[in-house]
């Protein structure tokens, strides 16, 4: 096992979107990029309980957040640090659950939010942003410029309510940012280097 760095993030816990597993191609690409570029910051990809149980309907936030707390604690223990040294994040639903867990008090070094779902497609009035002003850690958003879950302009507007440092990366594409896994992974790895 690699010894964690003495400062900065010591690991990245990655979670999938509602319709995917821990083996989603974007999460795998991010893990490989970090392994190659930042070997002292290991990644761990995890599934939510509903996926582990073979169900298709995502867990309610309290269940997902409790699971994230457990998984973050296990990962942190395995590399000999506290959760305050972990970056937490993932795609869509997974990233949203991580941001809610941090807003509710889970210590973290920062958040990696890929294709953050600001609102359901076609329903901009149903915002999922009430917890953003509680995020006091560095936050990276990586999203497509045609994402129906939130435009770059909407994302910038709501990200401005976050008191911690925010980095916005916009790539060509929709919610899945299809064909841009290498660009997503590079954006994450580059951001990790700045922390």
N, C-alpha and C. Protein backbone atom coordinates (compact mmCIF):
# COMPACT_ATOMS: atom_id res chain seq x y z
N UNK A 1 0.84 -1.19 0.00
CA UNK A 1 0.00 0.00 0.00
C UNK A 1 0.89 1.25 0.00
N UNK A 2 0.51 2.24 -0.82
CA UNK A 2 1.23 3.50 -0.88
C UNK A 2 0.94 4.32 0.37
N UNK A 3 1.98 4.94 0.93
CA UNK A 3 1.79 5.80 2.09
C UNK A 3 1.07 7.06 1.65
N UNK A 4 0.01 7.46 2.36
CA UNK A 4 -0.71 8.66 1.95
C UNK A 4 0.15 9.90 2.13
N UNK A 5 -0.07 10.93 1.31
CA UNK A 5 0.66 12.17 1.49
C UNK A 5 0.34 12.77 2.86
N UNK A 6 1.25 13.58 3.38
CA UNK A 6 1.05 14.14 4.72
C UNK A 6 0.08 15.31 4.73
N UNK A 7 -0.21 15.87 3.56
CA UNK A 7 -1.20 16.95 3.48
C UNK A 7 -1.96 16.81 2.17
N UNK A 8 -3.07 17.52 2.07
CA UNK A 8 -3.89 17.42 0.86
C UNK A 8 -4.70 16.14 0.87
N UNK A 9 -5.43 15.89 -0.22
CA UNK A 9 -6.28 14.71 -0.28
C UNK A 9 -5.46 13.42 -0.30
N UNK A 10 -5.98 12.40 0.39
CA UNK A 10 -5.29 11.12 0.47
C UNK A 10 -6.02 10.01 -0.28
N UNK A 11 -7.20 10.31 -0.82
CA UNK A 11 -7.96 9.30 -1.56
C UNK A 11 -9.20 9.92 -2.16
N UNK A 12 -9.79 9.20 -3.13
CA UNK A 12 -11.02 9.65 -3.81
C UNK A 12 -12.02 8.51 -3.81
N UNK A 13 -13.17 8.73 -3.17
CA UNK A 13 -14.26 7.76 -3.17
C UNK A 13 -15.24 8.16 -4.27
N UNK A 14 -15.50 7.24 -5.21
CA UNK A 14 -16.34 7.53 -6.37
C UNK A 14 -17.62 6.71 -6.34
N UNK A 15 -18.74 7.36 -6.68
CA UNK A 15 -20.05 6.73 -6.68
C UNK A 15 -20.74 6.94 -8.02
N UNK A 16 -21.59 6.00 -8.43
CA UNK A 16 -22.22 6.08 -9.75
C UNK A 16 -23.53 6.86 -9.75
N UNK A 17 -24.00 7.13 -10.96
CA UNK A 17 -25.32 7.70 -11.15
C UNK A 17 -26.40 6.66 -10.89
N UNK A 18 -27.65 7.09 -10.88
CA UNK A 18 -28.76 6.22 -10.50
C UNK A 18 -28.93 5.01 -11.40
N UNK A 19 -28.59 5.12 -12.66
CA UNK A 19 -28.81 4.00 -13.57
C UNK A 19 -27.57 3.19 -13.85
N UNK A 20 -26.52 3.37 -13.06
CA UNK A 20 -25.25 2.70 -13.35
C UNK A 20 -24.67 2.06 -12.10
N UNK A 21 -23.59 1.33 -12.30
CA UNK A 21 -22.88 0.69 -11.20
C UNK A 21 -21.53 1.36 -11.00
N UNK A 22 -20.81 0.87 -10.03
CA UNK A 22 -19.46 1.36 -9.73
C UNK A 22 -18.51 1.19 -10.91
N UNK A 23 -18.89 0.32 -11.85
CA UNK A 23 -18.04 0.06 -13.02
C UNK A 23 -18.37 0.95 -14.21
N UNK A 24 -19.11 2.02 -13.99
CA UNK A 24 -19.41 2.96 -15.07
C UNK A 24 -18.11 3.44 -15.70
N UNK A 25 -18.09 3.51 -17.02
CA UNK A 25 -16.85 3.81 -17.75
C UNK A 25 -16.20 5.12 -17.34
N UNK A 26 -16.98 6.13 -17.00
CA UNK A 26 -16.39 7.40 -16.60
C UNK A 26 -15.67 7.27 -15.25
N UNK A 27 -16.28 6.55 -14.31
CA UNK A 27 -15.64 6.36 -13.01
C UNK A 27 -14.35 5.55 -13.15
N UNK A 28 -14.38 4.54 -14.00
CA UNK A 28 -13.18 3.73 -14.25
C UNK A 28 -12.08 4.61 -14.87
N UNK A 29 -12.46 5.47 -15.80
CA UNK A 29 -11.47 6.37 -16.44
C UNK A 29 -10.85 7.31 -15.42
N UNK A 30 -11.66 7.86 -14.53
CA UNK A 30 -11.15 8.75 -13.49
C UNK A 30 -10.18 8.00 -12.58
N UNK A 31 -10.56 6.80 -12.17
CA UNK A 31 -9.69 5.99 -11.31
C UNK A 31 -8.35 5.73 -12.00
N UNK A 32 -8.38 5.33 -13.26
CA UNK A 32 -7.13 5.05 -13.99
C UNK A 32 -6.27 6.30 -14.14
N UNK A 33 -6.89 7.44 -14.41
CA UNK A 33 -6.13 8.69 -14.56
C UNK A 33 -5.44 9.06 -13.26
N UNK A 34 -6.16 8.92 -12.14
CA UNK A 34 -5.55 9.24 -10.85
C UNK A 34 -4.43 8.27 -10.51
N UNK A 35 -4.65 6.98 -10.79
CA UNK A 35 -3.61 5.98 -10.53
C UNK A 35 -2.33 6.31 -11.30
N UNK A 36 -2.50 6.79 -12.54
CA UNK A 36 -1.35 7.09 -13.38
C UNK A 36 -0.67 8.40 -13.00
N UNK A 37 -1.50 9.42 -12.71
CA UNK A 37 -0.95 10.76 -12.50
C UNK A 37 -0.71 11.12 -11.04
N UNK A 38 -1.47 10.50 -10.15
CA UNK A 38 -1.36 10.83 -8.73
C UNK A 38 -1.43 9.52 -7.93
N UNK A 39 -0.38 8.69 -8.02
CA UNK A 39 -0.46 7.38 -7.36
C UNK A 39 -0.58 7.43 -5.85
N UNK A 40 -0.28 8.57 -5.23
CA UNK A 40 -0.43 8.68 -3.77
C UNK A 40 -1.86 9.00 -3.36
N UNK A 41 -2.75 9.18 -4.35
CA UNK A 41 -4.16 9.45 -4.06
C UNK A 41 -4.99 8.32 -4.69
N UNK A 42 -5.13 7.19 -3.97
CA UNK A 42 -5.87 6.06 -4.53
C UNK A 42 -7.36 6.37 -4.64
N UNK A 43 -8.01 5.65 -5.55
CA UNK A 43 -9.46 5.78 -5.73
C UNK A 43 -10.14 4.48 -5.31
N UNK A 44 -11.38 4.62 -4.88
CA UNK A 44 -12.22 3.45 -4.63
C UNK A 44 -13.59 3.75 -5.18
N UNK A 45 -14.08 2.85 -6.03
CA UNK A 45 -15.42 2.97 -6.59
C UNK A 45 -16.37 2.09 -5.79
N UNK A 46 -17.53 2.64 -5.39
CA UNK A 46 -18.49 1.89 -4.58
C UNK A 46 -19.89 2.00 -5.16
N UNK A 47 -20.69 0.98 -4.91
CA UNK A 47 -22.10 0.98 -5.29
C UNK A 47 -22.96 1.39 -4.09
N UNK A 48 -24.18 1.80 -4.40
CA UNK A 48 -25.16 2.10 -3.35
C UNK A 48 -25.91 0.82 -2.98
N UNK A 49 -26.57 0.79 -1.81
CA UNK A 49 -27.23 -0.43 -1.36
C UNK A 49 -28.25 -1.01 -2.34
N UNK A 50 -29.02 -0.15 -3.02
CA UNK A 50 -30.03 -0.68 -3.94
C UNK A 50 -29.38 -1.49 -5.06
N UNK A 51 -28.23 -1.03 -5.53
CA UNK A 51 -27.52 -1.73 -6.61
C UNK A 51 -26.97 -3.05 -6.08
N UNK A 52 -26.42 -3.03 -4.88
CA UNK A 52 -25.88 -4.24 -4.27
C UNK A 52 -26.97 -5.29 -4.06
N UNK A 53 -28.22 -4.83 -3.84
CA UNK A 53 -29.35 -5.73 -3.63
C UNK A 53 -30.01 -6.15 -4.94
N UNK A 54 -29.49 -5.67 -6.07
CA UNK A 54 -30.06 -6.03 -7.37
C UNK A 54 -31.32 -5.29 -7.73
N UNK A 55 -31.57 -4.15 -7.07
CA UNK A 55 -32.76 -3.36 -7.35
C UNK A 55 -32.43 -2.26 -8.36
N UNK A 56 -33.47 -1.69 -8.96
CA UNK A 56 -33.27 -0.63 -9.96
C UNK A 56 -33.62 0.76 -9.46
N UNK A 57 -34.41 0.84 -8.41
CA UNK A 57 -34.84 2.15 -7.90
C UNK A 57 -33.81 2.64 -6.89
N UNK A 58 -33.25 3.84 -7.11
CA UNK A 58 -32.22 4.35 -6.19
C UNK A 58 -32.73 4.50 -4.76
N UNK A 59 -31.77 4.39 -3.84
CA UNK A 59 -32.08 4.58 -2.43
C UNK A 59 -32.53 6.01 -2.17
N UNK A 60 -33.34 6.19 -1.13
CA UNK A 60 -33.69 7.52 -0.67
C UNK A 60 -32.42 8.15 -0.08
N UNK A 61 -32.32 9.48 -0.08
CA UNK A 61 -31.11 10.12 0.43
C UNK A 61 -30.64 9.66 1.81
N UNK A 62 -31.51 9.49 2.81
CA UNK A 62 -30.98 9.07 4.11
C UNK A 62 -30.24 7.72 4.06
N UNK A 63 -30.74 6.80 3.26
CA UNK A 63 -30.09 5.49 3.12
C UNK A 63 -28.77 5.64 2.37
N UNK A 64 -28.79 6.37 1.26
CA UNK A 64 -27.58 6.57 0.47
C UNK A 64 -26.50 7.30 1.26
N UNK A 65 -26.90 8.31 2.02
CA UNK A 65 -25.93 9.10 2.80
C UNK A 65 -25.34 8.26 3.93
N UNK A 66 -26.16 7.47 4.60
CA UNK A 66 -25.65 6.59 5.65
C UNK A 66 -24.63 5.61 5.07
N UNK A 67 -24.93 5.08 3.90
CA UNK A 67 -24.01 4.15 3.23
C UNK A 67 -22.70 4.86 2.87
N UNK A 68 -22.80 6.08 2.39
CA UNK A 68 -21.60 6.85 2.05
C UNK A 68 -20.72 7.07 3.29
N UNK A 69 -21.35 7.38 4.40
CA UNK A 69 -20.58 7.58 5.64
C UNK A 69 -19.80 6.30 5.99
N UNK A 70 -20.48 5.15 5.88
CA UNK A 70 -19.82 3.87 6.18
C UNK A 70 -18.68 3.60 5.21
N UNK A 71 -18.94 3.78 3.92
CA UNK A 71 -17.92 3.50 2.91
C UNK A 71 -16.74 4.45 3.04
N UNK A 72 -17.00 5.73 3.30
CA UNK A 72 -15.92 6.69 3.47
C UNK A 72 -15.08 6.33 4.69
N UNK A 73 -15.74 5.93 5.77
CA UNK A 73 -15.01 5.52 6.97
C UNK A 73 -14.13 4.31 6.72
N UNK A 74 -14.68 3.32 6.00
CA UNK A 74 -13.89 2.11 5.68
C UNK A 74 -12.69 2.44 4.81
N UNK A 75 -12.92 3.26 3.79
CA UNK A 75 -11.84 3.64 2.88
C UNK A 75 -10.76 4.42 3.62
N UNK A 76 -11.19 5.40 4.41
CA UNK A 76 -10.23 6.21 5.18
C UNK A 76 -9.41 5.33 6.11
N UNK A 77 -10.08 4.40 6.82
CA UNK A 77 -9.37 3.50 7.72
C UNK A 77 -8.34 2.66 6.96
N UNK A 78 -8.72 2.22 5.76
CA UNK A 78 -7.82 1.33 5.00
C UNK A 78 -6.55 2.03 4.55
N UNK A 79 -6.59 3.35 4.44
CA UNK A 79 -5.38 4.07 4.03
C UNK A 79 -4.78 4.89 5.17
N UNK A 80 -5.34 4.73 6.37
CA UNK A 80 -4.74 5.33 7.55
C UNK A 80 -4.95 6.82 7.73
N UNK A 81 -6.12 7.32 7.30
CA UNK A 81 -6.44 8.74 7.46
C UNK A 81 -7.87 8.87 7.95
N UNK A 82 -8.28 10.10 8.26
CA UNK A 82 -9.68 10.39 8.57
C UNK A 82 -10.43 10.73 7.28
N UNK A 83 -11.75 10.74 7.34
CA UNK A 83 -12.52 11.08 6.13
C UNK A 83 -12.27 12.51 5.67
N UNK A 84 -11.76 13.36 6.59
CA UNK A 84 -11.46 14.74 6.21
C UNK A 84 -10.33 14.82 5.18
N UNK A 85 -9.64 13.71 4.94
CA UNK A 85 -8.57 13.68 3.94
C UNK A 85 -9.05 13.05 2.62
N UNK A 86 -10.32 12.65 2.56
CA UNK A 86 -10.87 12.04 1.35
C UNK A 86 -11.60 13.06 0.49
N UNK A 87 -11.45 12.90 -0.81
CA UNK A 87 -12.33 13.56 -1.77
C UNK A 87 -13.50 12.61 -1.99
N UNK A 88 -14.70 13.15 -2.05
CA UNK A 88 -15.90 12.35 -2.27
C UNK A 88 -16.57 12.83 -3.54
N UNK A 89 -17.17 11.92 -4.27
CA UNK A 89 -17.88 12.38 -5.45
C UNK A 89 -18.36 11.25 -6.33
N UNK A 90 -18.78 11.64 -7.52
CA UNK A 90 -19.28 10.68 -8.47
C UNK A 90 -20.13 11.36 -9.52
N UNK A 91 -20.81 10.51 -10.29
CA UNK A 91 -21.65 11.00 -11.37
C UNK A 91 -23.08 11.21 -10.90
N UNK A 92 -23.67 12.31 -11.32
CA UNK A 92 -25.10 12.58 -11.18
C UNK A 92 -25.60 12.29 -9.76
N UNK A 93 -26.48 11.29 -9.61
CA UNK A 93 -27.04 10.94 -8.30
C UNK A 93 -25.94 10.71 -7.27
N UNK A 94 -24.88 10.00 -7.65
CA UNK A 94 -23.80 9.70 -6.71
C UNK A 94 -23.12 10.95 -6.20
N UNK A 95 -22.82 11.88 -7.10
CA UNK A 95 -22.21 13.13 -6.68
C UNK A 95 -23.15 13.95 -5.82
N UNK A 96 -24.42 13.95 -6.16
CA UNK A 96 -25.41 14.69 -5.36
C UNK A 96 -25.48 14.14 -3.95
N UNK A 97 -25.49 12.81 -3.82
CA UNK A 97 -25.53 12.21 -2.48
C UNK A 97 -24.27 12.55 -1.69
N UNK A 98 -23.12 12.56 -2.36
CA UNK A 98 -21.87 12.93 -1.67
C UNK A 98 -21.94 14.38 -1.19
N UNK A 99 -22.46 15.27 -2.05
CA UNK A 99 -22.53 16.68 -1.65
C UNK A 99 -23.50 16.86 -0.49
N UNK A 100 -24.60 16.09 -0.47
CA UNK A 100 -25.55 16.17 0.64
C UNK A 100 -24.92 15.63 1.92
N UNK A 101 -24.13 14.55 1.82
CA UNK A 101 -23.47 13.99 3.00
C UNK A 101 -22.50 15.00 3.61
N UNK A 102 -21.74 15.70 2.75
CA UNK A 102 -20.80 16.70 3.25
C UNK A 102 -21.56 17.88 3.85
N UNK A 103 -22.63 18.30 3.20
CA UNK A 103 -23.44 19.41 3.74
C UNK A 103 -24.02 19.04 5.11
N UNK A 104 -24.28 17.75 5.32
CA UNK A 104 -24.83 17.28 6.60
C UNK A 104 -23.74 17.01 7.63
N UNK A 105 -22.47 17.28 7.28
CA UNK A 105 -21.43 17.19 8.29
C UNK A 105 -20.37 16.13 8.10
N UNK A 106 -20.44 15.30 7.04
CA UNK A 106 -19.39 14.31 6.81
C UNK A 106 -18.10 15.04 6.43
N UNK A 107 -17.05 14.94 7.24
CA UNK A 107 -15.81 15.64 6.89
C UNK A 107 -15.22 15.10 5.59
N UNK A 108 -14.74 16.00 4.75
CA UNK A 108 -14.14 15.62 3.47
C UNK A 108 -13.13 16.68 3.05
N UNK A 109 -12.21 16.29 2.17
CA UNK A 109 -11.21 17.23 1.66
C UNK A 109 -11.75 18.02 0.47
N UNK A 110 -12.81 17.52 -0.15
CA UNK A 110 -13.39 18.20 -1.31
C UNK A 110 -14.40 17.30 -1.99
N UNK A 111 -15.05 17.84 -3.02
CA UNK A 111 -16.09 17.12 -3.76
C UNK A 111 -15.79 17.14 -5.24
N UNK A 112 -15.98 15.99 -5.89
CA UNK A 112 -15.83 15.84 -7.34
C UNK A 112 -17.22 15.50 -7.88
N UNK A 113 -17.88 16.48 -8.50
CA UNK A 113 -19.26 16.33 -8.94
C UNK A 113 -19.32 16.29 -10.46
N UNK A 114 -19.53 15.10 -11.00
CA UNK A 114 -19.56 14.89 -12.45
C UNK A 114 -21.01 14.85 -12.92
N UNK A 115 -21.36 15.70 -13.86
CA UNK A 115 -22.73 15.78 -14.39
C UNK A 115 -23.74 15.96 -13.24
N UNK A 116 -23.49 16.96 -12.40
CA UNK A 116 -24.36 17.19 -11.25
C UNK A 116 -25.79 17.47 -11.72
N UNK A 117 -26.78 16.77 -11.15
CA UNK A 117 -28.17 16.96 -11.57
C UNK A 117 -28.85 18.11 -10.82
N UNK A 118 -28.75 19.31 -11.35
CA UNK A 118 -29.38 20.47 -10.71
C UNK A 118 -30.89 20.31 -10.59
N UNK A 119 -31.49 19.72 -11.61
CA UNK A 119 -32.94 19.52 -11.64
C UNK A 119 -33.25 18.41 -12.63
N UNK A 120 -34.44 17.81 -12.55
CA UNK A 120 -34.82 16.82 -13.55
C UNK A 120 -34.92 17.48 -14.93
N UNK A 121 -34.65 16.72 -16.01
CA UNK A 121 -34.76 17.31 -17.36
C UNK A 121 -36.14 17.91 -17.60
N UNK A 122 -36.14 19.13 -18.12
CA UNK A 122 -37.39 19.82 -18.44
C UNK A 122 -38.14 20.36 -17.23
N UNK A 123 -37.55 20.27 -16.04
CA UNK A 123 -38.22 20.76 -14.83
C UNK A 123 -37.29 21.66 -14.03
N UNK A 124 -36.89 22.80 -14.60
CA UNK A 124 -35.92 23.66 -13.92
C UNK A 124 -36.43 24.23 -12.60
N UNK A 125 -37.73 24.14 -12.37
CA UNK A 125 -38.28 24.65 -11.10
C UNK A 125 -38.03 23.68 -9.95
N UNK A 126 -37.68 22.43 -10.26
CA UNK A 126 -37.46 21.42 -9.21
C UNK A 126 -35.97 21.31 -8.90
N UNK A 127 -35.43 22.36 -8.36
CA UNK A 127 -34.00 22.44 -8.09
C UNK A 127 -33.58 21.55 -6.93
N UNK A 128 -32.35 21.04 -7.03
CA UNK A 128 -31.75 20.20 -5.98
C UNK A 128 -30.50 20.91 -5.46
N UNK A 129 -30.69 22.10 -4.94
CA UNK A 129 -29.55 22.95 -4.59
C UNK A 129 -29.60 23.51 -3.16
N UNK A 130 -30.62 23.15 -2.39
CA UNK A 130 -30.79 23.79 -1.09
C UNK A 130 -29.61 23.57 -0.14
N UNK A 131 -28.86 22.49 -0.33
CA UNK A 131 -27.74 22.20 0.55
C UNK A 131 -26.42 22.83 0.10
N UNK A 132 -26.36 23.38 -1.10
CA UNK A 132 -25.10 23.89 -1.62
C UNK A 132 -24.45 24.97 -0.74
N UNK A 133 -25.21 25.89 -0.12
CA UNK A 133 -24.57 26.90 0.73
C UNK A 133 -23.86 26.33 1.96
N UNK A 134 -24.05 25.05 2.27
CA UNK A 134 -23.37 24.43 3.41
C UNK A 134 -22.03 23.78 3.01
N UNK A 135 -21.65 23.86 1.74
CA UNK A 135 -20.43 23.21 1.28
C UNK A 135 -19.25 24.17 1.43
N UNK A 136 -18.41 23.90 2.39
CA UNK A 136 -17.28 24.79 2.67
C UNK A 136 -15.95 24.18 2.22
N UNK A 137 -16.02 23.11 1.44
CA UNK A 137 -14.82 22.44 0.93
C UNK A 137 -14.64 22.80 -0.55
N UNK A 138 -13.44 22.57 -1.11
CA UNK A 138 -13.28 22.77 -2.55
C UNK A 138 -14.21 21.83 -3.34
N UNK A 139 -14.81 22.37 -4.40
CA UNK A 139 -15.75 21.60 -5.21
C UNK A 139 -15.37 21.72 -6.68
N UNK A 140 -15.31 20.57 -7.35
CA UNK A 140 -15.10 20.52 -8.79
C UNK A 140 -16.39 20.03 -9.44
N UNK A 141 -16.90 20.82 -10.40
CA UNK A 141 -18.02 20.40 -11.24
C UNK A 141 -17.49 20.16 -12.65
N UNK A 142 -17.80 18.99 -13.22
CA UNK A 142 -17.47 18.70 -14.61
C UNK A 142 -18.78 18.30 -15.28
N UNK A 143 -19.22 19.08 -16.28
CA UNK A 143 -20.52 18.84 -16.91
C UNK A 143 -20.46 19.10 -18.39
N UNK A 144 -21.45 18.54 -19.09
CA UNK A 144 -21.59 18.78 -20.52
C UNK A 144 -22.28 20.09 -20.81
N UNK A 145 -21.96 20.69 -21.94
CA UNK A 145 -22.55 21.99 -22.28
C UNK A 145 -24.00 21.90 -22.72
N UNK A 146 -24.50 20.67 -22.94
CA UNK A 146 -25.91 20.48 -23.32
C UNK A 146 -26.62 19.55 -22.33
N UNK A 147 -26.23 19.60 -21.08
CA UNK A 147 -26.80 18.71 -20.07
C UNK A 147 -28.22 19.15 -19.74
N UNK A 148 -29.24 18.28 -19.98
CA UNK A 148 -30.61 18.67 -19.68
C UNK A 148 -30.91 18.74 -18.19
N UNK A 149 -29.98 18.25 -17.35
CA UNK A 149 -30.15 18.33 -15.90
C UNK A 149 -29.65 19.66 -15.35
N UNK A 150 -29.15 20.53 -16.22
CA UNK A 150 -28.67 21.84 -15.80
C UNK A 150 -27.68 22.40 -16.80
N UNK A 151 -27.97 23.58 -17.31
CA UNK A 151 -27.09 24.23 -18.28
C UNK A 151 -25.85 24.78 -17.58
N UNK A 152 -24.79 25.08 -18.33
CA UNK A 152 -23.61 25.71 -17.70
C UNK A 152 -23.97 27.00 -16.97
N UNK A 153 -24.90 27.76 -17.52
CA UNK A 153 -25.31 29.01 -16.88
C UNK A 153 -26.03 28.74 -15.55
N UNK A 154 -26.93 27.77 -15.56
CA UNK A 154 -27.63 27.41 -14.32
C UNK A 154 -26.64 26.90 -13.27
N UNK A 155 -25.72 26.07 -13.71
CA UNK A 155 -24.73 25.51 -12.78
C UNK A 155 -23.88 26.62 -12.17
N UNK A 156 -23.43 27.55 -13.00
CA UNK A 156 -22.61 28.66 -12.49
C UNK A 156 -23.40 29.50 -11.49
N UNK A 157 -24.67 29.74 -11.78
CA UNK A 157 -25.51 30.54 -10.87
C UNK A 157 -25.62 29.89 -9.50
N UNK A 158 -25.90 28.59 -9.47
CA UNK A 158 -26.11 27.91 -8.19
C UNK A 158 -24.80 27.56 -7.50
N UNK A 159 -23.75 27.31 -8.27
CA UNK A 159 -22.43 27.04 -7.67
C UNK A 159 -21.92 28.28 -6.94
N UNK A 160 -22.37 29.46 -7.34
CA UNK A 160 -21.94 30.70 -6.70
C UNK A 160 -22.42 30.80 -5.25
N UNK A 161 -23.38 29.95 -4.85
CA UNK A 161 -23.85 29.96 -3.46
C UNK A 161 -22.96 29.13 -2.55
N UNK A 162 -21.99 28.42 -3.12
CA UNK A 162 -21.09 27.57 -2.33
C UNK A 162 -19.98 28.42 -1.74
N UNK A 163 -19.80 28.42 -0.41
CA UNK A 163 -18.76 29.25 0.19
C UNK A 163 -17.35 28.75 -0.07
N UNK A 164 -17.18 27.45 -0.28
CA UNK A 164 -15.85 26.90 -0.57
C UNK A 164 -15.43 27.23 -1.99
N UNK A 165 -14.13 27.02 -2.32
CA UNK A 165 -13.65 27.29 -3.68
C UNK A 165 -14.30 26.35 -4.69
N UNK A 166 -14.76 26.91 -5.80
CA UNK A 166 -15.46 26.14 -6.83
C UNK A 166 -14.70 26.22 -8.15
N UNK A 167 -14.58 25.07 -8.80
CA UNK A 167 -14.01 25.00 -10.15
C UNK A 167 -15.06 24.40 -11.06
N UNK A 168 -15.36 25.09 -12.16
CA UNK A 168 -16.34 24.62 -13.14
C UNK A 168 -15.62 24.25 -14.42
N UNK A 169 -15.83 23.03 -14.88
CA UNK A 169 -15.26 22.58 -16.16
C UNK A 169 -16.43 22.15 -17.04
N UNK A 170 -16.54 22.76 -18.21
CA UNK A 170 -17.61 22.43 -19.15
C UNK A 170 -17.00 21.77 -20.37
N UNK A 171 -17.55 20.60 -20.73
CA UNK A 171 -17.08 19.84 -21.88
C UNK A 171 -18.21 19.71 -22.90
N UNK A 172 -17.88 19.49 -24.17
CA UNK A 172 -18.93 19.26 -25.15
C UNK A 172 -19.70 17.99 -24.81
N UNK A 173 -21.03 18.07 -24.83
CA UNK A 173 -21.81 16.87 -24.59
C UNK A 173 -23.02 17.11 -23.73
N UNK A 174 -23.80 16.04 -23.55
CA UNK A 174 -25.01 16.08 -22.74
C UNK A 174 -24.71 15.54 -21.35
N UNK A 175 -25.68 14.90 -20.71
CA UNK A 175 -25.51 14.45 -19.33
C UNK A 175 -24.42 13.38 -19.22
N UNK A 176 -24.32 12.52 -20.24
CA UNK A 176 -23.32 11.45 -20.18
C UNK A 176 -21.95 11.89 -20.69
N UNK A 177 -21.85 13.09 -21.28
CA UNK A 177 -20.59 13.60 -21.85
C UNK A 177 -19.92 12.47 -22.65
N UNK A 178 -20.73 11.84 -23.51
CA UNK A 178 -20.30 10.66 -24.27
C UNK A 178 -19.01 10.89 -25.05
N UNK A 179 -18.10 9.93 -24.95
CA UNK A 179 -16.85 9.99 -25.68
C UNK A 179 -15.81 10.91 -25.07
N UNK A 180 -16.10 11.47 -23.90
CA UNK A 180 -15.19 12.43 -23.28
C UNK A 180 -14.62 11.93 -21.95
N UNK A 181 -14.62 10.61 -21.75
CA UNK A 181 -14.11 10.07 -20.48
C UNK A 181 -12.69 10.55 -20.18
N UNK A 182 -11.83 10.57 -21.21
CA UNK A 182 -10.44 10.99 -20.99
C UNK A 182 -10.39 12.45 -20.55
N UNK A 183 -11.26 13.28 -21.12
CA UNK A 183 -11.28 14.70 -20.75
C UNK A 183 -11.81 14.89 -19.32
N UNK A 184 -12.85 14.13 -18.97
CA UNK A 184 -13.39 14.19 -17.61
C UNK A 184 -12.30 13.76 -16.62
N UNK A 185 -11.65 12.64 -16.92
CA UNK A 185 -10.61 12.11 -16.04
C UNK A 185 -9.45 13.09 -15.90
N UNK A 186 -9.06 13.71 -17.00
CA UNK A 186 -7.96 14.69 -16.96
C UNK A 186 -8.34 15.90 -16.12
N UNK A 187 -9.60 16.35 -16.25
CA UNK A 187 -10.06 17.50 -15.46
C UNK A 187 -9.99 17.18 -13.97
N UNK A 188 -10.39 15.96 -13.59
CA UNK A 188 -10.35 15.56 -12.18
C UNK A 188 -8.90 15.48 -11.71
N UNK A 189 -8.04 14.81 -12.47
CA UNK A 189 -6.65 14.65 -12.07
C UNK A 189 -5.94 16.01 -11.96
N UNK A 190 -6.21 16.89 -12.91
CA UNK A 190 -5.59 18.22 -12.87
C UNK A 190 -6.05 18.98 -11.62
N UNK A 191 -7.33 18.89 -11.31
CA UNK A 191 -7.87 19.59 -10.14
C UNK A 191 -7.27 19.04 -8.85
N UNK A 192 -7.14 17.72 -8.76
CA UNK A 192 -6.57 17.10 -7.56
C UNK A 192 -5.16 17.65 -7.32
N UNK A 193 -4.41 17.85 -8.40
CA UNK A 193 -3.04 18.38 -8.29
C UNK A 193 -3.00 19.78 -7.69
N UNK A 194 -4.12 20.53 -7.78
CA UNK A 194 -4.13 21.90 -7.27
C UNK A 194 -4.41 21.97 -5.77
N UNK A 195 -4.83 20.87 -5.17
CA UNK A 195 -5.26 20.87 -3.77
C UNK A 195 -4.09 20.69 -2.82
